[in-house]
């Protein structure tokens, strides 16, 4: 399978920023954002796919917002959810869903071909 088109990778300044973005795209009782997680080089990458809307002639430009962690961060490696506290800006990694907003983390076997190799 040859895929020539790639997403535009955008690294957030912090994981808090990425969580805030994911929460803002979740619609209660309709759609919950999810994170993609994979290993790449010596990092663990967690991110979400999105689309730039109404961006001049680039309407529908696919983007990948992400943040990287050290590959030895056991808490991130073992996490299946990001639990976001309602009422304050706080999150935690968890193996199971908990009260609050539980955003699932989908672990991929490898970096998808649509994401450029140059992400850091």
C-alpha atoms as a PDB file:
ATOM      1  CA  UNK A   1       0.000   0.000   0.000  1.00  0.00           C
ATOM      2  CA  UNK A   2       1.553   3.263  -1.125  1.00  0.00           C
ATOM      3  CA  UNK A   3       0.366   6.429   0.574  1.00  0.00           C
ATOM      4  CA  UNK A   4       1.884   9.614  -0.712  1.00  0.00           C
ATOM      5  CA  UNK A   5      -0.202  12.174   1.138  1.00  0.00           C
ATOM      6  CA  UNK A   6       0.824  12.872   4.709  1.00  0.00           C
ATOM      7  CA  UNK A   7      -0.819  14.743   7.541  1.00  0.00           C
ATOM      8  CA  UNK A   8       0.633  18.011   8.773  1.00  0.00           C
ATOM      9  CA  UNK A   9       2.266  17.220  12.151  1.00  0.00           C
ATOM     10  CA  UNK A  10       1.819  19.876  14.826  1.00  0.00           C
ATOM     11  CA  UNK A  11       3.528  19.357  18.186  1.00  0.00           C
ATOM     12  CA  UNK A  12       1.793  20.951  21.151  1.00  0.00           C
ATOM     13  CA  UNK A  13       3.807  22.820  23.771  1.00  0.00           C
ATOM     14  CA  UNK A  14       2.589  20.480  26.513  1.00  0.00           C
ATOM     15  CA  UNK A  15       0.440  17.410  27.008  1.00  0.00           C
ATOM     16  CA  UNK A  16      -2.029  19.690  28.847  1.00  0.00           C
ATOM     17  CA  UNK A  17      -2.529  21.553  25.574  1.00  0.00           C
ATOM     18  CA  UNK A  18      -3.206  18.308  23.711  1.00  0.00           C
ATOM     19  CA  UNK A  19      -5.687  17.156  26.380  1.00  0.00           C
ATOM     20  CA  UNK A  20      -7.449  20.527  26.242  1.00  0.00           C
ATOM     21  CA  UNK A  21      -7.770  20.188  22.464  1.00  0.00           C
ATOM     22  CA  UNK A  22      -9.149  16.646  22.771  1.00  0.00           C
ATOM     23  CA  UNK A  23     -11.690  17.729  25.391  1.00  0.00           C
ATOM     24  CA  UNK A  24     -12.820  20.635  23.222  1.00  0.00           C
ATOM     25  CA  UNK A  25     -13.561  18.249  20.331  1.00  0.00           C
ATOM     26  CA  UNK A  26     -15.565  15.814  22.477  1.00  0.00           C
ATOM     27  CA  UNK A  27     -19.318  16.237  22.262  1.00  0.00           C
ATOM     28  CA  UNK A  28     -21.191  14.816  25.260  1.00  0.00           C
ATOM     29  CA  UNK A  29     -23.431  11.831  24.378  1.00  0.00           C
ATOM     30  CA  UNK A  30     -22.355  11.982  20.709  1.00  0.00           C
ATOM     31  CA  UNK A  31     -18.636  11.666  20.105  1.00  0.00           C
ATOM     32  CA  UNK A  32     -15.616  11.283  22.329  1.00  0.00           C
ATOM     33  CA  UNK A  33     -12.176  12.199  21.101  1.00  0.00           C
ATOM     34  CA  UNK A  34      -9.547   9.483  21.292  1.00  0.00           C
ATOM     35  CA  UNK A  35      -5.774   9.489  21.368  1.00  0.00           C
ATOM     36  CA  UNK A  36      -3.501   7.454  19.111  1.00  0.00           C
ATOM     37  CA  UNK A  37      -0.318   6.098  20.719  1.00  0.00           C
ATOM     38  CA  UNK A  38       2.686   4.507  19.048  1.00  0.00           C
ATOM     39  CA  UNK A  39       6.417   4.168  19.459  1.00  0.00           C
ATOM     40  CA  UNK A  40       8.617   6.093  17.056  1.00  0.00           C
ATOM     41  CA  UNK A  41      12.385   6.089  17.297  1.00  0.00           C
ATOM     42  CA  UNK A  42      13.156   6.628  21.005  1.00  0.00           C
ATOM     43  CA  UNK A  43       9.817   8.268  21.890  1.00  0.00           C
ATOM     44  CA  UNK A  44       6.207   7.436  22.599  1.00  0.00           C
ATOM     45  CA  UNK A  45       3.937   9.627  20.511  1.00  0.00           C
ATOM     46  CA  UNK A  46       0.395  10.411  21.636  1.00  0.00           C
ATOM     47  CA  UNK A  47      -1.795  12.486  19.372  1.00  0.00           C
ATOM     48  CA  UNK A  48      -5.128  13.161  17.752  1.00  0.00           C
ATOM     49  CA  UNK A  49      -6.061  13.510  14.118  1.00  0.00           C
ATOM     50  CA  UNK A  50      -7.915  16.611  13.025  1.00  0.00           C
ATOM     51  CA  UNK A  51      -8.764  18.709  10.010  1.00  0.00           C
ATOM     52  CA  UNK A  52      -8.125  22.377   9.288  1.00  0.00           C
ATOM     53  CA  UNK A  53     -11.462  23.733   8.135  1.00  0.00           C
ATOM     54  CA  UNK A  54     -11.805  26.739   5.850  1.00  0.00           C
ATOM     55  CA  UNK A  55      -8.065  27.194   5.455  1.00  0.00           C
ATOM     56  CA  UNK A  56      -8.022  29.103   2.172  1.00  0.00           C
ATOM     57  CA  UNK A  57      -7.569  26.622  -0.693  1.00  0.00           C
ATOM     58  CA  UNK A  58      -6.342  23.942   1.720  1.00  0.00           C
ATOM     59  CA  UNK A  59      -9.866  23.116   2.898  1.00  0.00           C
ATOM     60  CA  UNK A  60      -9.825  19.820   4.746  1.00  0.00           C
ATOM     61  CA  UNK A  61      -6.051  19.767   5.341  1.00  0.00           C
ATOM     62  CA  UNK A  62      -5.448  16.784   7.674  1.00  0.00           C
ATOM     63  CA  UNK A  63      -3.372  17.485  10.780  1.00  0.00           C
ATOM     64  CA  UNK A  64      -1.908  15.361  13.560  1.00  0.00           C
ATOM     65  CA  UNK A  65      -1.610  17.187  16.883  1.00  0.00           C
ATOM     66  CA  UNK A  66       0.807  15.331  19.126  1.00  0.00           C
ATOM     67  CA  UNK A  67       3.107  15.302  22.114  1.00  0.00           C
ATOM     68  CA  UNK A  68       6.034  12.974  22.799  1.00  0.00           C
ATOM     69  CA  UNK A  69       7.148  11.151  25.923  1.00  0.00           C
ATOM     70  CA  UNK A  70      10.273   9.215  26.825  1.00  0.00           C
ATOM     71  CA  UNK A  71       9.942   5.556  25.845  1.00  0.00           C
ATOM     72  CA  UNK A  72      10.737   4.598  29.470  1.00  0.00           C
ATOM     73  CA  UNK A  73       7.723   6.456  30.916  1.00  0.00           C
ATOM     74  CA  UNK A  74       5.899   3.386  32.300  1.00  0.00           C
ATOM     75  CA  UNK A  75       2.796   5.378  33.226  1.00  0.00           C
ATOM     76  CA  UNK A  76       2.333   6.423  29.579  1.00  0.00           C
ATOM     77  CA  UNK A  77       3.343   3.029  28.160  1.00  0.00           C
ATOM     78  CA  UNK A  78       0.733   1.177  30.230  1.00  0.00           C
ATOM     79  CA  UNK A  79      -2.103   3.724  29.954  1.00  0.00           C
ATOM     80  CA  UNK A  80      -5.348   2.939  28.141  1.00  0.00           C
ATOM     81  CA  UNK A  81      -7.137   6.171  29.086  1.00  0.00           C
ATOM     82  CA  UNK A  82      -6.540   9.794  29.881  1.00  0.00           C
ATOM     83  CA  UNK A  83      -8.914  10.763  32.674  1.00  0.00           C
ATOM     84  CA  UNK A  84      -9.806  14.453  32.653  1.00  0.00           C
ATOM     85  CA  UNK A  85     -11.162  15.968  35.834  1.00  0.00           C
ATOM     86  CA  UNK A  86     -14.319  17.946  35.301  1.00  0.00           C
ATOM     87  CA  UNK A  87     -14.267  21.307  36.997  1.00  0.00           C
ATOM     88  CA  UNK A  88     -10.505  21.851  36.949  1.00  0.00           C
ATOM     89  CA  UNK A  89      -7.707  21.473  34.443  1.00  0.00           C
ATOM     90  CA  UNK A  90      -6.212  18.183  35.610  1.00  0.00           C
ATOM     91  CA  UNK A  91      -5.605  14.836  33.925  1.00  0.00           C
ATOM     92  CA  UNK A  92      -4.156  11.445  34.787  1.00  0.00           C
ATOM     93  CA  UNK A  93      -3.180   8.319  32.884  1.00  0.00           C
ATOM     94  CA  UNK A  94      -5.103   5.152  33.741  1.00  0.00           C
ATOM     95  CA  UNK A  95      -5.472   1.529  32.670  1.00  0.00           C
ATOM     96  CA  UNK A  96      -9.253   1.686  33.225  1.00  0.00           C
ATOM     97  CA  UNK A  97     -11.970   4.332  32.823  1.00  0.00           C
ATOM     98  CA  UNK A  98     -12.793   6.389  35.915  1.00  0.00           C
ATOM     99  CA  UNK A  99     -15.236   9.166  36.883  1.00  0.00           C
ATOM    100  CA  UNK A 100     -14.708  12.311  34.859  1.00  0.00           C
ATOM    101  CA  UNK A 101     -14.132  12.311  31.125  1.00  0.00           C
ATOM    102  CA  UNK A 102     -12.303   9.097  30.125  1.00  0.00           C
ATOM    103  CA  UNK A 103     -10.604   9.619  26.759  1.00  0.00           C
ATOM    104  CA  UNK A 104      -9.456   6.304  25.284  1.00  0.00           C
ATOM    105  CA  UNK A 105      -5.894   5.758  24.106  1.00  0.00           C
ATOM    106  CA  UNK A 106      -5.651   3.471  21.089  1.00  0.00           C
ATOM    107  CA  UNK A 107      -2.223   1.834  20.901  1.00  0.00           C
ATOM    108  CA  UNK A 108      -1.066   1.213  17.340  1.00  0.00           C
ATOM    109  CA  UNK A 109       1.385  -1.509  16.382  1.00  0.00           C
ATOM    110  CA  UNK A 110       3.498   1.028  14.495  1.00  0.00           C
ATOM    111  CA  UNK A 111       3.529   4.595  13.242  1.00  0.00           C
ATOM    112  CA  UNK A 112       0.874   4.975  10.525  1.00  0.00           C
ATOM    113  CA  UNK A 113       2.288   5.696   7.052  1.00  0.00           C
ATOM    114  CA  UNK A 114       0.291   8.949   6.811  1.00  0.00           C
ATOM    115  CA  UNK A 115       2.369  10.481   9.632  1.00  0.00           C
ATOM    116  CA  UNK A 116       5.756  11.825   8.476  1.00  0.00           C
ATOM    117  CA  UNK A 117       8.930  10.251   9.880  1.00  0.00           C
ATOM    118  CA  UNK A 118      10.256  13.695  10.853  1.00  0.00           C
ATOM    119  CA  UNK A 119       8.075  14.058  13.967  1.00  0.00           C
ATOM    120  CA  UNK A 120      10.110  14.630  17.118  1.00  0.00           C
END
